[in-house]
Amino acid sequence: MPRVTPDSPRQTLPAALQARPKLEAVARTLTESADLALFMTDAQQHCIYMNAAAEALTGRTLAEVVAHAQSLHALVHPAAPDGTSALDAESPIARALAKGTRERGEDVFVHREGHPHPVAFTVSPVREADAVLGAVIEVRDLTAERQAAAALRTSEVRYRFLAETIPVQVWTATPDGLLDYVSGRAVDEFGVPLETLLSEGWLNVLHPEDRPLAIERWTSALRTGEGYEVEFRLRLASGQYAWYLARAVPQRDANGRILQWLGTNTNIHEQRESQQRTEALLAEVAKQARETEAALVRLRAEKLAAEQRVAELEAKSSP
């Protein structure tokens, strides 16, 4: 199979393709899929074509690769510092050529400057009659995807850390209102298995008297997409009930569609008891003030009556 020469123009497809009309479909694929890194090898696995994306991925030009008669395996799997290198026979390209089958998988291509690039590849043998003439390799660089996935994992770890350490119960629910995450604080405070909380929600620990209001508020939030807020009593692991303030807001996508609900349960039992004590104290003060006021009114009335009696007696004693 003829090879391209080092001085072949960048925009010209390999002579191997031009010399074989039956491979015109491959040429069209190479041209139309230029957003992928595309390679073509001959039957000996020597790289005879690379598009611009492939050159950027490897850090090498087609001319120098052809000049050195490099196999694609050696091109993207350079020798280690100790000089060791995997055998070409172990590469997916070699297996594809040997089997005459289409191969897909993932690999790590190493850039000329030593940067590893995780990639997804498809190896398609090129045939003429019963002979394998070479292979076309489509490669998609997964670096950005892997970095984004790593960033997402890091973000999730931070979120979980915050959710498990802040002094409130954190929970999330699906758009239709089913719990799909509850922080460990809720499990510890209620003494209920996580699986039970996720399957039954708060109903398992919610005070019976507070259920109607809690259900009404949650149903309304799901129907309208507005924020959720309610105070209710939840049963602790000790069997006693404590007051909690539950709040949740919807997280939406760019189109306004609800992706999930983000919620918290904050223990307000002490504040509630303090408020009740304050209200009781104020009520007692008000009661005493009313009683004092009534006593003063009574005393004033008695004083006026006494003064009037004195006046009457003085009037009678006058000549």
Protein backbone atom coordinates (compact mmCIF):
# COMPACT_ATOMS: atom_id res chain seq x y z
CA MET A 1 0.00 0.00 0.00
CA PRO A 2 1.63 3.32 -1.00
CA ARG A 3 2.50 5.79 1.72
CA VAL A 4 2.23 9.53 1.75
CA THR A 5 5.52 11.42 1.50
CA PRO A 6 6.68 13.97 4.11
CA ASP A 7 6.16 16.87 1.71
CA SER A 8 2.53 16.02 1.02
CA PRO A 9 0.29 19.12 1.35
CA ARG A 10 -1.65 19.39 4.61
CA GLN A 11 -4.98 19.71 2.82
CA THR A 12 -4.38 16.71 0.52
CA LEU A 13 -5.63 13.28 1.58
CA PRO A 14 -3.14 10.41 1.46
CA ALA A 15 -2.22 9.08 -1.95
CA ALA A 16 -3.42 5.71 -0.70
CA LEU A 17 -6.93 7.11 -0.57
CA GLN A 18 -6.67 8.92 -3.87
CA ALA A 19 -5.27 5.82 -5.59
CA ARG A 20 -8.14 3.60 -4.51
CA PRO A 21 -11.60 4.73 -5.61
CA LYS A 22 -13.15 2.11 -3.38
CA LEU A 23 -11.90 4.07 -0.35
CA GLU A 24 -13.68 7.28 -1.34
CA ALA A 25 -16.22 6.70 1.44
CA VAL A 26 -13.36 6.73 3.93
CA ALA A 27 -12.09 9.99 2.46
CA ARG A 28 -15.52 11.53 2.86
CA THR A 29 -15.65 10.35 6.47
CA LEU A 30 -12.28 11.90 7.15
CA THR A 31 -13.41 15.18 5.63
CA GLU A 32 -16.83 15.31 7.26
CA SER A 33 -15.65 14.31 10.73
CA ALA A 34 -12.87 16.85 11.03
CA ASP A 35 -14.03 17.77 14.53
CA LEU A 36 -12.64 14.42 15.72
CA ALA A 37 -9.00 13.42 15.72
CA LEU A 38 -8.71 11.13 12.69
CA PHE A 39 -5.90 8.76 11.87
CA MET A 40 -5.36 6.25 9.08
CA THR A 41 -2.89 3.41 9.12
CA ASP A 42 -1.68 0.95 6.55
CA ALA A 43 -1.63 -2.81 7.01
CA GLN A 44 1.60 -2.53 9.01
CA GLN A 45 -0.03 0.01 11.34
CA HIS A 46 2.14 2.88 10.07
CA CYS A 47 0.30 6.17 10.34
CA ILE A 48 -0.33 7.53 6.84
CA TYR A 49 -2.88 10.23 7.62
CA MET A 50 -3.70 12.62 10.47
CA ASN A 51 -6.09 15.52 10.39
CA ALA A 52 -5.48 18.82 12.21
CA ALA A 53 -7.24 17.61 15.35
CA ALA A 54 -5.02 14.52 15.44
CA GLU A 55 -1.91 16.66 15.08
CA ALA A 56 -3.08 18.86 17.97
CA LEU A 57 -3.81 15.79 20.10
CA THR A 58 -0.39 14.26 19.56
CA GLY A 59 1.70 17.40 19.16
CA ARG A 60 3.22 16.01 15.95
CA THR A 61 2.72 16.76 12.28
CA LEU A 62 1.79 14.23 9.65
CA ALA A 63 5.02 14.95 7.78
CA GLU A 64 7.29 14.04 10.68
CA VAL A 65 5.24 10.98 11.59
CA VAL A 66 5.43 9.69 8.02
CA ALA A 67 9.13 10.54 7.81
CA HIS A 68 9.85 8.38 10.83
CA ALA A 69 7.51 5.62 9.65
CA GLN A 70 5.90 5.57 13.08
CA SER A 71 3.15 3.19 13.98
CA LEU A 72 0.11 4.79 15.53
CA HIS A 73 0.70 2.76 18.67
CA ALA A 74 4.22 4.15 19.07
CA LEU A 75 2.97 7.64 18.23
CA VAL A 76 0.44 7.78 21.04
CA HIS A 77 2.19 5.42 23.48
CA PRO A 78 5.79 6.66 23.54
CA ALA A 79 8.40 4.73 25.45
CA ALA A 80 8.62 5.25 29.18
CA PRO A 81 11.70 6.97 30.68
CA ASP A 82 13.25 3.54 31.29
CA GLY A 83 12.86 2.73 27.61
CA THR A 84 10.09 0.16 28.03
CA SER A 85 7.03 0.23 25.76
CA ALA A 86 4.01 -1.93 25.17
CA LEU A 87 4.14 -4.16 22.11
CA ASP A 88 2.18 -3.09 19.07
CA ALA A 89 0.46 -6.44 19.14
CA GLU A 90 -1.23 -5.41 22.40
CA SER A 91 -2.82 -2.30 20.93
CA PRO A 92 -6.50 -2.15 19.95
CA ILE A 93 -5.43 -1.24 16.41
CA ALA A 94 -3.43 -4.44 16.05
CA ARG A 95 -6.31 -6.49 17.41
CA ALA A 96 -8.67 -4.84 14.96
CA LEU A 97 -6.36 -5.62 12.06
CA ALA A 98 -5.86 -9.19 13.21
CA LYS A 99 -9.54 -9.84 13.80
CA GLY A 100 -10.82 -7.76 10.94
CA THR A 101 -13.48 -6.38 13.28
CA ARG A 102 -14.57 -2.98 14.47
CA GLU A 103 -13.15 -2.07 17.89
CA ARG A 104 -14.29 0.56 20.36
CA GLY A 105 -12.83 1.48 23.68
CA GLU A 106 -10.90 3.98 25.74
CA ASP A 107 -7.19 4.63 26.01
CA VAL A 108 -4.73 7.28 27.12
CA PHE A 109 -2.83 9.04 24.34
CA VAL A 110 0.32 10.85 25.38
CA HIS A 111 1.08 14.24 23.82
CA ARG A 112 4.57 14.97 22.52
CA GLU A 113 5.20 17.13 25.59
CA GLY A 114 4.15 14.33 27.92
CA HIS A 115 0.57 15.40 28.64
CA PRO A 116 -1.76 12.38 28.96
CA HIS A 117 -5.12 12.64 27.19
CA PRO A 118 -7.85 10.12 28.02
CA VAL A 119 -9.64 9.31 24.76
CA ALA A 120 -12.48 7.26 23.34
CA PHE A 121 -11.67 5.59 20.05
CA THR A 122 -13.25 3.62 17.24
CA VAL A 123 -11.03 1.48 15.02
CA SER A 124 -12.53 0.46 11.67
CA PRO A 125 -10.53 -1.88 9.44
CA VAL A 126 -10.44 -0.94 5.74
CA ARG A 127 -10.85 -3.93 3.46
CA GLU A 128 -10.52 -4.75 -0.20
CA ALA A 129 -11.75 -8.23 -1.03
CA ASP A 130 -10.31 -10.42 1.71
CA ALA A 131 -7.32 -8.22 2.43
CA VAL A 132 -7.10 -5.70 5.24
CA LEU A 133 -5.50 -2.58 3.78
CA GLY A 134 -5.35 -0.58 6.99
CA ALA A 135 -7.63 1.07 9.46
CA VAL A 136 -9.41 4.35 10.11
CA ILE A 137 -9.29 5.49 13.73
CA GLU A 138 -11.69 8.09 15.10
CA VAL A 139 -10.60 9.56 18.42
CA ARG A 140 -12.48 11.83 20.81
CA ASP A 141 -10.47 13.64 23.48
CA LEU A 142 -12.10 13.06 26.87
CA THR A 143 -9.84 15.43 28.79
CA ALA A 144 -12.41 18.21 29.20
CA GLU A 145 -15.13 15.71 30.11
CA ARG A 146 -12.93 14.02 32.70
CA GLN A 147 -11.90 17.36 34.17
CA ALA A 148 -15.54 18.43 34.36
CA ALA A 149 -16.44 15.11 35.99
CA ALA A 150 -13.60 15.51 38.49
CA ALA A 151 -14.74 19.06 39.27
CA LEU A 152 -18.28 17.76 39.77
CA ARG A 153 -17.05 15.04 42.12
CA THR A 154 -15.07 17.62 44.08
CA SER A 155 -18.13 19.85 44.27
CA GLU A 156 -20.26 16.93 45.45
CA VAL A 157 -17.70 16.05 48.13
CA ARG A 158 -17.74 19.63 49.38
CA TYR A 159 -21.53 19.68 49.32
CA ARG A 160 -21.73 16.44 51.28
CA PHE A 161 -19.16 17.73 53.76
CA LEU A 162 -21.14 20.91 54.35
CA ALA A 163 -24.42 19.02 54.50
CA GLU A 164 -23.06 16.62 57.10
CA THR A 165 -21.35 19.25 59.28
CA ILE A 166 -23.66 22.27 59.42
CA PRO A 167 -25.98 22.26 62.48
CA VAL A 168 -29.19 21.63 60.53
CA GLN A 169 -30.69 18.66 58.74
CA VAL A 170 -30.17 18.90 54.98
CA TRP A 171 -32.34 17.06 52.49
CA THR A 172 -33.19 17.01 48.80
CA ALA A 173 -36.24 15.78 46.97
CA THR A 174 -37.14 14.95 43.38
CA PRO A 175 -39.34 17.37 41.39
CA ASP A 176 -42.39 15.33 42.41
CA GLY A 177 -41.51 15.56 46.10
CA LEU A 178 -39.86 12.23 46.96
CA LEU A 179 -36.87 12.42 49.30
CA ASP A 180 -33.67 11.22 47.64
CA TYR A 181 -31.07 12.48 50.13
CA VAL A 182 -31.11 13.10 53.89
CA SER A 183 -28.04 14.13 55.85
CA GLY A 184 -26.69 11.91 58.59
CA ARG A 185 -27.77 14.41 61.24
CA ALA A 186 -31.43 13.49 60.60
CA VAL A 187 -30.67 9.79 60.92
CA ASP A 188 -28.85 10.40 64.22
CA GLU A 189 -31.45 12.75 65.71
CA PHE A 190 -34.46 10.60 64.83
CA GLY A 191 -32.87 7.17 65.30
CA VAL A 192 -34.55 6.00 62.09
CA PRO A 193 -32.71 4.09 59.30
CA LEU A 194 -31.89 6.16 56.24
CA GLU A 195 -33.87 3.77 54.03
CA THR A 196 -36.99 4.39 56.13
CA LEU A 197 -36.64 8.15 55.92
CA LEU A 198 -36.14 8.02 52.16
CA SER A 199 -39.11 5.73 51.61
CA GLU A 200 -41.57 7.27 54.07
CA GLY A 201 -40.33 10.85 54.28
CA TRP A 202 -41.01 12.72 57.51
CA LEU A 203 -44.41 11.09 58.08
CA ASN A 204 -42.78 8.36 60.15
CA VAL A 205 -41.56 10.89 62.73
CA LEU A 206 -44.05 13.74 62.24
CA HIS A 207 -46.43 14.56 65.10
CA PRO A 208 -49.95 13.44 64.13
CA GLU A 209 -51.41 16.85 64.96
CA ASP A 210 -48.98 18.58 62.61
CA ARG A 211 -49.42 16.28 59.62
CA PRO A 212 -52.36 18.05 57.94
CA LEU A 213 -50.60 21.43 57.82
CA ALA A 214 -47.27 19.93 56.73
CA ILE A 215 -48.90 17.93 53.92
CA GLU A 216 -50.95 20.92 52.80
CA ARG A 217 -47.91 23.21 52.61
CA TRP A 218 -45.75 20.62 50.80
CA THR A 219 -48.50 19.78 48.31
CA SER A 220 -49.01 23.46 47.60
CA ALA A 221 -45.27 24.01 47.05
CA LEU A 222 -45.10 21.10 44.59
CA ARG A 223 -48.14 22.38 42.73
CA THR A 224 -47.09 26.04 42.50
CA GLY A 225 -43.30 25.72 42.49
CA GLU A 226 -43.09 28.25 45.32
CA GLY A 227 -40.91 27.90 48.39
CA TYR A 228 -41.93 25.62 51.23
CA GLU A 229 -41.95 26.66 54.89
CA VAL A 230 -43.69 25.15 57.88
CA GLU A 231 -43.14 24.53 61.59
CA PHE A 232 -43.89 21.07 62.96
CA ARG A 233 -42.91 18.62 65.66
CA LEU A 234 -40.70 15.64 64.84
CA ARG A 235 -40.09 12.65 67.09
CA LEU A 236 -36.53 12.31 68.34
CA ALA A 237 -34.70 9.08 69.06
CA SER A 238 -35.59 9.59 72.76
CA GLY A 239 -39.28 9.42 71.91
CA GLN A 240 -39.86 13.09 72.71
CA TYR A 241 -40.99 15.60 70.12
CA ALA A 242 -39.09 18.74 69.18
CA TRP A 243 -40.17 21.70 67.08
CA TYR A 244 -38.50 22.14 63.68
CA LEU A 245 -38.66 24.81 61.02
CA ALA A 246 -38.70 23.13 57.59
CA ARG A 247 -37.81 25.13 54.50
CA ALA A 248 -37.23 24.15 50.87
CA VAL A 249 -36.64 25.95 47.60
CA PRO A 250 -36.71 24.55 44.04
CA GLN A 251 -33.53 24.37 41.97
CA ARG A 252 -34.36 25.11 38.34
CA ASP A 253 -32.61 24.70 34.99
CA ALA A 254 -32.14 27.46 32.40
CA ASN A 255 -35.70 26.88 31.15
CA GLY A 256 -37.26 27.18 34.59
CA ARG A 257 -37.93 23.47 34.96
CA ILE A 258 -37.53 22.20 38.54
CA LEU A 259 -34.57 19.83 38.84
CA GLN A 260 -34.83 19.13 42.55
CA TRP A 261 -35.88 20.58 45.89
CA LEU A 262 -33.21 21.68 48.37
CA GLY A 263 -34.43 21.68 51.95
CA THR A 264 -33.40 22.03 55.59
CA ASN A 265 -34.93 21.18 58.94
CA THR A 266 -33.78 23.48 61.74
CA ASN A 267 -34.39 22.57 65.38
CA ILE A 268 -36.19 25.57 66.92
CA HIS A 269 -37.41 23.82 70.05
CA GLU A 270 -35.46 26.00 72.48
CA GLN A 271 -36.45 29.18 70.66
CA ARG A 272 -40.03 28.00 70.60
CA GLU A 273 -40.00 27.21 74.32
CA SER A 274 -38.29 30.51 75.04
CA GLN A 275 -40.91 32.28 72.97
CA GLN A 276 -43.65 30.44 74.83
CA ARG A 277 -42.08 31.37 78.17
CA THR A 278 -41.83 34.97 77.04
CA GLU A 279 -45.42 34.94 75.84
CA ALA A 280 -46.51 33.35 79.14
CA LEU A 281 -44.58 35.99 81.07
CA LEU A 282 -46.09 38.78 79.00
CA ALA A 283 -49.52 37.27 79.48
CA GLU A 284 -48.95 37.16 83.26
CA VAL A 285 -47.72 40.75 83.27
CA ALA A 286 -50.76 41.79 81.23
CA LYS A 287 -53.01 39.90 83.63
CA GLN A 288 -51.43 41.57 86.64
CA ALA A 289 -51.70 44.94 84.91
CA ARG A 290 -55.39 44.35 84.28
CA GLU A 291 -55.91 43.27 87.87
CA THR A 292 -53.96 46.29 89.13
CA GLU A 293 -55.94 48.56 86.87
CA ALA A 294 -59.19 47.05 88.15
CA ALA A 295 -58.00 47.49 91.73
CA LEU A 296 -57.10 51.11 91.05
CA VAL A 297 -60.48 51.71 89.46
CA ARG A 298 -62.09 50.13 92.50
CA LEU A 299 -60.04 52.19 94.92
CA ARG A 300 -60.77 55.36 92.98
CA ALA A 301 -64.47 54.58 93.06
CA GLU A 302 -64.27 53.93 96.81
CA LYS A 303 -62.32 57.16 97.28
CA LEU A 304 -64.90 59.13 95.35
CA ALA A 305 -67.68 57.51 97.34
CA ALA A 306 -65.92 58.33 100.60
CA GLU A 307 -65.35 61.92 99.58
CA GLN A 308 -69.00 62.25 98.62
CA ARG A 309 -70.06 60.79 101.99
CA VAL A 310 -67.81 63.20 103.82
CA ALA A 311 -69.24 66.08 101.85
CA GLU A 312 -72.77 64.99 102.67
CA LEU A 313 -71.99 64.71 106.40
CA GLU A 314 -70.37 68.11 106.42
CA ALA A 315 -73.38 69.58 104.69
CA LYS A 316 -75.74 68.16 107.35
CA SER A 317 -73.62 69.41 110.23
CA SER A 318 -73.55 72.97 108.97
CA PRO A 319 -76.02 75.44 110.73
